[in-house]
Amino acid sequence: MNSSTEDSAERQSVRPAHHPDVHPQEPVTTRRGALGVTAALVGGALSIAAAPSAVAATRSTRAQAPGHAHTHIHTESGAAAESGEPCFVGYDEDFEDALEAADSRLPDDGANAQRAGLPGVFAKPLRRQYRVSARYGIKGNWVAGHHTGIDLAVPTGTPVYAAGGGTVVLAGWSGDYGNAVTVRMAGGHYAVYGHLSRVRTRYGATIKAGARIADSGSTGRATGPHLHLEIRSQRGYGSDVDPVAYLARRGVRLL
């Protein structure tokens, strides 16, 4: 055999078993070969038996890991995720800048407030049963130091209604709030409805309390489908007030 033939034979011998040119090997007939096959089979069985333990250990490690602040849990059925954590909406500079710019283009001349109805008229933002997944004011790693709204867990697509009448100053994508609607209410407060799956109103619209403005969802920084309702005494972040107390004083009970 010349050198080229030997090189070709060597290349043939090191090809991987899955190579299309390699044919199945003949059955092993020697005692040493038979022992090798037996050992390989036993080793493979042991590896397969050990696999569940490795998976369980991995799951245990993940379960002990710290919470993931950027996790977005979406459920196809629309049921609220039982995460035990609030949404992670916080100070979003882009959203605050957009809100300021949009609001400044809609001066409050008093006429919109009149068309929106009396300042004392308010309504529930949800008309179906909900679960409070995070209360207002709980301490956490927010710029404000606490949760600035209340989270009402409902399936995705649940109708959302305006708690108070006023002017829509922002309607659309709103950073951490996801799809959101911000309403400048007749009494001077602002209501932010966050994490919506669909917005059903538009910028500059005049709405009355109880008007349908959106559908609930889990867009933005959310741990599951819910409505994040935030009431601000002024336009800017950090001026939030307790939505439960605010609406209770106006005849609407959230809890």
C-alpha atoms as a PDB file:
ATOM      1  CA  MET A   1       0.000   0.000   0.000  1.00  0.00           C
ATOM      2  CA  ASN A   2       1.462   3.342  -0.979  1.00  0.00           C
ATOM      3  CA  SER A   3       1.403   6.469   1.276  1.00  0.00           C
ATOM      4  CA  SER A   4      -1.679   8.020  -0.390  1.00  0.00           C
ATOM      5  CA  THR A   5      -3.610   4.804   0.114  1.00  0.00           C
ATOM      6  CA  GLU A   6      -2.540   4.644   3.773  1.00  0.00           C
ATOM      7  CA  ASP A   7      -3.609   8.297   4.344  1.00  0.00           C
ATOM      8  CA  SER A   8      -6.986   7.568   2.790  1.00  0.00           C
ATOM      9  CA  ALA A   9      -7.461   4.536   4.984  1.00  0.00           C
ATOM     10  CA  GLU A  10      -6.561   6.529   8.103  1.00  0.00           C
ATOM     11  CA  ARG A  11      -9.068   9.264   7.242  1.00  0.00           C
ATOM     12  CA  GLN A  12     -11.727   6.598   6.738  1.00  0.00           C
ATOM     13  CA  SER A  13     -11.033   5.163  10.203  1.00  0.00           C
ATOM     14  CA  VAL A  14     -11.482   8.463  12.148  1.00  0.00           C
ATOM     15  CA  ARG A  15     -14.712   9.609  10.519  1.00  0.00           C
ATOM     16  CA  PRO A  16     -17.565  10.117  13.021  1.00  0.00           C
ATOM     17  CA  ALA A  17     -20.102   7.321  13.226  1.00  0.00           C
ATOM     18  CA  HIS A  18     -22.868   9.581  11.918  1.00  0.00           C
ATOM     19  CA  HIS A  19     -21.001  10.404   8.708  1.00  0.00           C
ATOM     20  CA  PRO A  20     -23.143   9.460   5.670  1.00  0.00           C
ATOM     21  CA  ASP A  21     -20.288   7.468   4.099  1.00  0.00           C
ATOM     22  CA  VAL A  22     -19.748   5.266   7.151  1.00  0.00           C
ATOM     23  CA  HIS A  23     -21.626   1.985   7.221  1.00  0.00           C
ATOM     24  CA  PRO A  24     -22.719   0.200  10.425  1.00  0.00           C
ATOM     25  CA  GLN A  25     -19.934  -1.841  11.942  1.00  0.00           C
ATOM     26  CA  GLU A  26     -20.052  -5.608  11.990  1.00  0.00           C
ATOM     27  CA  PRO A  27     -21.114  -7.222  15.284  1.00  0.00           C
ATOM     28  CA  VAL A  28     -18.289  -7.574  17.788  1.00  0.00           C
ATOM     29  CA  THR A  29     -17.230 -11.201  18.073  1.00  0.00           C
ATOM     30  CA  THR A  30     -14.141 -11.022  20.297  1.00  0.00           C
ATOM     31  CA  ARG A  31     -14.410 -11.437  24.104  1.00  0.00           C
ATOM     32  CA  ARG A  32     -12.658  -8.076  24.691  1.00  0.00           C
ATOM     33  CA  GLY A  33     -15.023  -6.330  22.289  1.00  0.00           C
ATOM     34  CA  ALA A  34     -18.049  -7.896  23.938  1.00  0.00           C
ATOM     35  CA  LEU A  35     -16.915  -6.709  27.363  1.00  0.00           C
ATOM     36  CA  GLY A  36     -16.444  -3.192  25.969  1.00  0.00           C
ATOM     37  CA  VAL A  37     -19.986  -3.102  24.613  1.00  0.00           C
ATOM     38  CA  THR A  38     -21.379  -4.366  27.929  1.00  0.00           C
ATOM     39  CA  ALA A  39     -19.495  -1.679  29.867  1.00  0.00           C
ATOM     40  CA  ALA A  40     -20.762   1.026  27.534  1.00  0.00           C
ATOM     41  CA  LEU A  41     -24.363  -0.134  27.964  1.00  0.00           C
ATOM     42  CA  VAL A  42     -24.076  -0.233  31.755  1.00  0.00           C
ATOM     43  CA  GLY A  43     -22.451   3.204  31.829  1.00  0.00           C
ATOM     44  CA  GLY A  44     -25.219   4.641  29.658  1.00  0.00           C
ATOM     45  CA  ALA A  45     -27.897   3.202  31.924  1.00  0.00           C
ATOM     46  CA  LEU A  46     -26.222   4.724  34.972  1.00  0.00           C
ATOM     47  CA  SER A  47     -26.031   8.111  33.233  1.00  0.00           C
ATOM     48  CA  ILE A  48     -29.725   7.998  32.365  1.00  0.00           C
ATOM     49  CA  ALA A  49     -30.657   7.009  35.932  1.00  0.00           C
ATOM     50  CA  ALA A  50     -28.629   9.926  37.319  1.00  0.00           C
ATOM     51  CA  ALA A  51     -30.214  12.505  34.978  1.00  0.00           C
ATOM     52  CA  PRO A  52     -33.385  13.152  37.045  1.00  0.00           C
ATOM     53  CA  SER A  53     -31.267  13.840  40.136  1.00  0.00           C
ATOM     54  CA  ALA A  54     -29.233  16.401  38.198  1.00  0.00           C
ATOM     55  CA  VAL A  55     -32.392  18.107  36.932  1.00  0.00           C
ATOM     56  CA  ALA A  56     -33.835  18.181  40.447  1.00  0.00           C
ATOM     57  CA  ALA A  57     -30.649  19.749  41.767  1.00  0.00           C
ATOM     58  CA  THR A  58     -30.786  22.400  39.053  1.00  0.00           C
ATOM     59  CA  ARG A  59     -34.390  23.199  39.880  1.00  0.00           C
ATOM     60  CA  SER A  60     -33.548  23.428  43.566  1.00  0.00           C
ATOM     61  CA  THR A  61     -30.734  25.875  42.811  1.00  0.00           C
ATOM     62  CA  ARG A  62     -33.017  28.021  40.671  1.00  0.00           C
ATOM     63  CA  ALA A  63     -35.692  28.006  43.382  1.00  0.00           C
ATOM     64  CA  GLN A  64     -33.177  29.344  45.904  1.00  0.00           C
ATOM     65  CA  ALA A  65     -31.926  32.072  43.569  1.00  0.00           C
ATOM     66  CA  PRO A  66     -32.857  35.721  44.252  1.00  0.00           C
ATOM     67  CA  GLY A  67     -35.930  37.206  42.582  1.00  0.00           C
ATOM     68  CA  HIS A  68     -35.599  38.360  38.993  1.00  0.00           C
ATOM     69  CA  ALA A  69     -36.516  42.025  38.810  1.00  0.00           C
ATOM     70  CA  HIS A  70     -36.873  41.992  35.021  1.00  0.00           C
ATOM     71  CA  THR A  71     -38.931  38.817  34.682  1.00  0.00           C
ATOM     72  CA  HIS A  72     -42.139  39.085  32.701  1.00  0.00           C
ATOM     73  CA  ILE A  73     -44.521  36.205  33.368  1.00  0.00           C
ATOM     74  CA  HIS A  74     -47.201  35.800  30.708  1.00  0.00           C
ATOM     75  CA  THR A  75     -49.976  33.204  30.886  1.00  0.00           C
ATOM     76  CA  GLU A  76     -51.762  32.116  27.734  1.00  0.00           C
ATOM     77  CA  SER A  77     -54.986  31.469  29.624  1.00  0.00           C
ATOM     78  CA  GLY A  78     -55.040  35.057  30.860  1.00  0.00           C
ATOM     79  CA  ALA A  79     -55.204  34.051  34.525  1.00  0.00           C
ATOM     80  CA  ALA A  80     -53.273  36.246  36.912  1.00  0.00           C
ATOM     81  CA  ALA A  81     -49.834  34.870  37.729  1.00  0.00           C
ATOM     82  CA  GLU A  82     -49.424  33.846  41.355  1.00  0.00           C
ATOM     83  CA  SER A  83     -45.960  35.348  41.652  1.00  0.00           C
ATOM     84  CA  GLY A  84     -46.425  37.025  45.018  1.00  0.00           C
ATOM     85  CA  GLU A  85     -44.517  40.032  43.716  1.00  0.00           C
ATOM     86  CA  PRO A  86     -45.739  43.437  42.578  1.00  0.00           C
ATOM     87  CA  CYS A  87     -45.152  44.829  39.138  1.00  0.00           C
ATOM     88  CA  PHE A  88     -41.755  46.458  38.821  1.00  0.00           C
ATOM     89  CA  VAL A  89     -42.953  49.732  37.366  1.00  0.00           C
ATOM     90  CA  GLY A  90     -40.897  52.625  38.682  1.00  0.00           C
ATOM     91  CA  TYR A  91     -39.477  55.955  37.663  1.00  0.00           C
ATOM     92  CA  ASP A  92     -39.167  56.010  33.882  1.00  0.00           C
ATOM     93  CA  GLU A  93     -37.542  59.180  32.597  1.00  0.00           C
ATOM     94  CA  ASP A  94     -38.772  58.738  29.027  1.00  0.00           C
ATOM     95  CA  PHE A  95     -42.345  58.268  30.199  1.00  0.00           C
ATOM     96  CA  GLU A  96     -42.203  61.281  32.523  1.00  0.00           C
ATOM     97  CA  ASP A  97     -40.774  63.474  29.744  1.00  0.00           C
ATOM     98  CA  ALA A  98     -43.424  62.306  27.291  1.00  0.00           C
ATOM     99  CA  LEU A  99     -46.167  62.913  29.848  1.00  0.00           C
ATOM    100  CA  GLU A 100     -44.929  66.441  30.548  1.00  0.00           C
ATOM    101  CA  ALA A 101     -44.706  67.296  26.852  1.00  0.00           C
ATOM    102  CA  ALA A 102     -48.124  65.845  26.024  1.00  0.00           C
ATOM    103  CA  ASP A 103     -49.815  67.449  29.012  1.00  0.00           C
ATOM    104  CA  SER A 104     -48.354  70.864  28.255  1.00  0.00           C
ATOM    105  CA  ARG A 105     -49.939  70.779  24.789  1.00  0.00           C
ATOM    106  CA  LEU A 106     -53.370  70.406  26.379  1.00  0.00           C
ATOM    107  CA  PRO A 107     -53.907  73.453  28.613  1.00  0.00           C
ATOM    108  CA  ASP A 108     -56.655  73.062  31.175  1.00  0.00           C
ATOM    109  CA  ASP A 109     -59.152  75.748  30.197  1.00  0.00           C
ATOM    110  CA  GLY A 110     -61.929  74.337  32.354  1.00  0.00           C
ATOM    111  CA  ALA A 111     -64.126  73.436  29.390  1.00  0.00           C
ATOM    112  CA  ASN A 112     -62.856  69.877  29.182  1.00  0.00           C
ATOM    113  CA  ALA A 113     -63.550  69.369  32.864  1.00  0.00           C
ATOM    114  CA  GLN A 114     -67.140  70.461  32.395  1.00  0.00           C
ATOM    115  CA  ARG A 115     -67.656  68.157  29.432  1.00  0.00           C
ATOM    116  CA  ALA A 116     -66.143  65.290  31.387  1.00  0.00           C
ATOM    117  CA  GLY A 117     -68.763  65.613  34.096  1.00  0.00           C
ATOM    118  CA  LEU A 118     -68.714  66.856  37.664  1.00  0.00           C
ATOM    119  CA  PRO A 119     -65.393  66.479  39.518  1.00  0.00           C
ATOM    120  CA  GLY A 120     -67.203  64.556  42.266  1.00  0.00           C
ATOM    121  CA  VAL A 121     -68.382  61.766  39.990  1.00  0.00           C
ATOM    122  CA  PHE A 122     -66.220  58.636  40.146  1.00  0.00           C
ATOM    123  CA  ALA A 123     -66.512  54.970  39.212  1.00  0.00           C
ATOM    124  CA  LYS A 124     -64.804  51.627  39.730  1.00  0.00           C
ATOM    125  CA  PRO A 125     -61.984  50.962  37.243  1.00  0.00           C
ATOM    126  CA  LEU A 126     -63.001  47.271  37.055  1.00  0.00           C
ATOM    127  CA  ARG A 127     -66.465  45.750  37.099  1.00  0.00           C
ATOM    128  CA  ARG A 128     -65.499  42.121  37.525  1.00  0.00           C
ATOM    129  CA  GLN A 129     -63.976  40.340  40.503  1.00  0.00           C
ATOM    130  CA  TYR A 130     -60.266  40.967  41.013  1.00  0.00           C
ATOM    131  CA  ARG A 131     -57.490  40.089  43.413  1.00  0.00           C
ATOM    132  CA  VAL A 132     -55.192  42.695  44.943  1.00  0.00           C
ATOM    133  CA  SER A 133     -51.758  41.362  44.035  1.00  0.00           C
ATOM    134  CA  ALA A 134     -49.859  44.349  45.454  1.00  0.00           C
ATOM    135  CA  ARG A 135     -51.135  47.131  47.685  1.00  0.00           C
ATOM    136  CA  TYR A 136     -50.176  50.737  47.510  1.00  0.00           C
ATOM    137  CA  GLY A 137     -47.231  51.820  49.660  1.00  0.00           C
ATOM    138  CA  ILE A 138     -45.459  48.499  50.207  1.00  0.00           C
ATOM    139  CA  LYS A 139     -41.723  49.022  50.619  1.00  0.00           C
ATOM    140  CA  GLY A 140     -39.397  47.997  47.844  1.00  0.00           C
ATOM    141  CA  ASN A 141     -36.557  48.936  45.551  1.00  0.00           C
ATOM    142  CA  TRP A 142     -38.333  51.817  43.825  1.00  0.00           C
ATOM    143  CA  VAL A 143     -37.036  55.366  43.432  1.00  0.00           C
ATOM    144  CA  ALA A 144     -40.020  56.484  45.529  1.00  0.00           C
ATOM    145  CA  GLY A 145     -39.166  53.780  48.077  1.00  0.00           C
ATOM    146  CA  HIS A 146     -42.580  52.152  47.802  1.00  0.00           C
ATOM    147  CA  HIS A 147     -45.133  50.812  45.352  1.00  0.00           C
ATOM    148  CA  THR A 148     -46.773  53.883  43.841  1.00  0.00           C
ATOM    149  CA  GLY A 149     -50.060  52.281  42.839  1.00  0.00           C
ATOM    150  CA  ILE A 150     -52.323  49.340  43.530  1.00  0.00           C
ATOM    151  CA  ASP A 151     -52.252  46.178  41.425  1.00  0.00           C
ATOM    152  CA  LEU A 152     -55.590  44.548  40.648  1.00  0.00           C
ATOM    153  CA  ALA A 153     -55.054  41.083  39.154  1.00  0.00           C
ATOM    154  CA  VAL A 154     -57.543  40.135  36.439  1.00  0.00           C
ATOM    155  CA  PRO A 155     -57.326  38.084  33.234  1.00  0.00           C
ATOM    156  CA  THR A 156     -55.875  39.744  30.157  1.00  0.00           C
ATOM    157  CA  GLY A 157     -58.547  41.553  28.169  1.00  0.00           C
ATOM    158  CA  THR A 158     -60.690  42.589  31.135  1.00  0.00           C
ATOM    159  CA  PRO A 159     -62.417  45.946  30.405  1.00  0.00           C
ATOM    160  CA  VAL A 160     -60.861  48.930  32.201  1.00  0.00           C
ATOM    161  CA  TYR A 161     -62.959  51.999  32.971  1.00  0.00           C
ATOM    162  CA  ALA A 162     -62.032  55.555  33.896  1.00  0.00           C
ATOM    163  CA  ALA A 163     -62.205  56.059  37.658  1.00  0.00           C
ATOM    164  CA  GLY A 164     -62.698  59.770  37.125  1.00  0.00           C
ATOM    165  CA  GLY A 165     -63.572  61.976  34.172  1.00  0.00           C
ATOM    166  CA  GLY A 166     -61.105  64.306  32.523  1.00  0.00           C
ATOM    167  CA  THR A 167     -58.738  64.678  29.594  1.00  0.00           C
ATOM    168  CA  VAL A 168     -56.555  61.891  28.192  1.00  0.00           C
ATOM    169  CA  VAL A 169     -53.046  63.332  28.173  1.00  0.00           C
ATOM    170  CA  LEU A 170     -51.217  60.154  27.171  1.00  0.00           C
ATOM    171  CA  ALA A 171     -52.478  56.973  25.507  1.00  0.00           C
ATOM    172  CA  GLY A 172     -50.052  54.363  24.216  1.00  0.00           C
ATOM    173  CA  TRP A 173     -46.689  52.832  25.034  1.00  0.00           C
ATOM    174  CA  SER A 174     -45.387  54.263  28.301  1.00  0.00           C
ATOM    175  CA  GLY A 175     -42.103  52.526  29.159  1.00  0.00           C
ATOM    176  CA  ASP A 176     -42.233  50.556  32.429  1.00  0.00           C
ATOM    177  CA  TYR A 177     -46.010  51.011  32.486  1.00  0.00           C
ATOM    178  CA  GLY A 178     -46.305  49.237  29.135  1.00  0.00           C
ATOM    179  CA  ASN A 179     -49.393  50.297  27.232  1.00  0.00           C
ATOM    180  CA  ALA A 180     -50.995  52.898  29.476  1.00  0.00           C
ATOM    181  CA  VAL A 181     -53.575  55.646  29.658  1.00  0.00           C
ATOM    182  CA  THR A 182     -52.988  58.780  31.728  1.00  0.00           C
ATOM    183  CA  VAL A 183     -55.977  60.982  32.505  1.00  0.00           C
ATOM    184  CA  ARG A 184     -55.843  64.500  33.919  1.00  0.00           C
ATOM    185  CA  MET A 185     -58.976  64.442  36.013  1.00  0.00           C
ATOM    186  CA  ALA A 186     -61.329  67.347  36.546  1.00  0.00           C
ATOM    187  CA  GLY A 187     -60.200  67.829  40.145  1.00  0.00           C
ATOM    188  CA  GLY A 188     -56.540  68.288  39.165  1.00  0.00           C
ATOM    189  CA  HIS A 189     -55.300  64.779  40.000  1.00  0.00           C
ATOM    190  CA  TYR A 190     -53.852  62.385  37.425  1.00  0.00           C
ATOM    191  CA  ALA A 191     -54.788  58.722  37.019  1.00  0.00           C
ATOM    192  CA  VAL A 192     -52.407  56.278  35.349  1.00  0.00           C
ATOM    193  CA  TYR A 193     -53.757  52.921  34.135  1.00  0.00           C
ATOM    194  CA  GLY A 194     -50.804  50.660  33.347  1.00  0.00           C
ATOM    195  CA  HIS A 195     -49.847  47.301  31.761  1.00  0.00           C
ATOM    196  CA  LEU A 196     -52.781  47.359  29.342  1.00  0.00           C
ATOM    197  CA  SER A 197     -53.147  44.875  26.496  1.00  0.00           C
ATOM    198  CA  ARG A 198     -55.167  47.357  24.437  1.00  0.00           C
ATOM    199  CA  VAL A 199     -55.816  51.100  24.595  1.00  0.00           C
ATOM    200  CA  ARG A 200     -59.352  52.153  23.627  1.00  0.00           C
ATOM    201  CA  THR A 201     -59.055  55.921  23.829  1.00  0.00           C
ATOM    202  CA  ARG A 202     -56.834  58.578  22.283  1.00  0.00           C
ATOM    203  CA  TYR A 203     -54.718  61.560  23.203  1.00  0.00           C
ATOM    204  CA  GLY A 204     -56.770  64.666  23.870  1.00  0.00           C
ATOM    205  CA  ALA A 205     -60.064  62.825  24.304  1.00  0.00           C
ATOM    206  CA  THR A 206     -62.510  64.032  26.913  1.00  0.00           C
ATOM    207  CA  ILE A 207     -63.923  61.117  28.909  1.00  0.00           C
ATOM    208  CA  LYS A 208     -66.440  60.680  31.680  1.00  0.00           C
ATOM    209  CA  ALA A 209     -66.110  58.548  34.794  1.00  0.00           C
ATOM    210  CA  GLY A 210     -67.055  54.979  33.932  1.00  0.00           C
ATOM    211  CA  ALA A 211     -66.092  55.247  30.267  1.00  0.00           C
ATOM    212  CA  ARG A 212     -64.261  52.198  28.908  1.00  0.00           C
ATOM    213  CA  ILE A 213     -60.718  53.256  28.098  1.00  0.00           C
ATOM    214  CA  ALA A 214     -58.699  50.030  27.755  1.00  0.00           C
ATOM    215  CA  ASP A 215     -58.296  46.283  28.298  1.00  0.00           C
ATOM    216  CA  SER A 216     -56.083  44.894  31.050  1.00  0.00           C
ATOM    217  CA  GLY A 217     -52.857  43.042  30.275  1.00  0.00           C
ATOM    218  CA  SER A 218     -49.252  42.501  31.331  1.00  0.00           C
ATOM    219  CA  THR A 219     -47.241  44.815  29.074  1.00  0.00           C
ATOM    220  CA  GLY A 220     -44.220  46.665  30.430  1.00  0.00           C
ATOM    221  CA  ARG A 221     -42.504  45.542  33.622  1.00  0.00           C
ATOM    222  CA  ALA A 222     -45.177  43.281  35.046  1.00  0.00           C
ATOM    223  CA  THR A 223     -45.177  39.905  36.799  1.00  0.00           C
ATOM    224  CA  GLY A 224     -48.527  38.904  35.330  1.00  0.00           C
ATOM    225  CA  PRO A 225     -51.776  40.290  33.927  1.00  0.00           C
ATOM    226  CA  HIS A 226     -53.222  43.016  36.140  1.00  0.00           C
ATOM    227  CA  LEU A 227     -54.244  46.653  36.222  1.00  0.00           C
ATOM    228  CA  HIS A 228     -51.761  49.008  37.851  1.00  0.00           C
ATOM    229  CA  LEU A 229     -53.813  51.984  39.036  1.00  0.00           C
ATOM    230  CA  GLU A 230     -51.845  55.011  40.149  1.00  0.00           C
ATOM    231  CA  ILE A 231     -53.285  58.331  41.362  1.00  0.00           C
ATOM    232  CA  ARG A 232     -51.038  61.400  41.433  1.00  0.00           C
ATOM    233  CA  SER A 233     -51.825  64.715  43.080  1.00  0.00           C
ATOM    234  CA  GLN A 234     -49.629  66.347  40.444  1.00  0.00           C
ATOM    235  CA  ARG A 235     -48.283  65.266  37.098  1.00  0.00           C
ATOM    236  CA  GLY A 236     -44.797  64.168  38.145  1.00  0.00           C
ATOM    237  CA  TYR A 237     -43.534  60.920  39.616  1.00  0.00           C
ATOM    238  CA  GLY A 238     -43.430  60.910  43.408  1.00  0.00           C
ATOM    239  CA  SER A 239     -46.686  62.809  43.877  1.00  0.00           C
ATOM    240  CA  ASP A 240     -48.661  59.571  44.216  1.00  0.00           C
ATOM    241  CA  VAL A 241     -51.454  59.156  46.754  1.00  0.00           C
ATOM    242  CA  ASP A 242     -53.239  56.081  48.066  1.00  0.00           C
ATOM    243  CA  PRO A 243     -55.767  55.092  45.358  1.00  0.00           C
ATOM    244  CA  VAL A 244     -57.926  53.222  47.873  1.00  0.00           C
ATOM    245  CA  ALA A 245     -58.260  56.205  50.202  1.00  0.00           C
ATOM    246  CA  TYR A 246     -58.604  58.653  47.309  1.00  0.00           C
ATOM    247  CA  LEU A 247     -61.519  56.777  45.740  1.00  0.00           C
ATOM    248  CA  ALA A 248     -63.108  55.886  49.085  1.00  0.00           C
ATOM    249  CA  ARG A 249     -63.449  59.589  49.877  1.00  0.00           C
ATOM    250  CA  ARG A 250     -65.309  59.905  46.577  1.00  0.00           C
ATOM    251  CA  GLY A 251     -67.711  57.046  47.172  1.00  0.00           C
ATOM    252  CA  VAL A 252     -65.853  54.236  45.383  1.00  0.00           C
ATOM    253  CA  ARG A 253     -64.606  51.209  47.351  1.00  0.00           C
ATOM    254  CA  LEU A 254     -61.743  49.178  45.913  1.00  0.00           C
ATOM    255  CA  LEU A 255     -61.346  46.924  48.967  1.00  0.00           C
END
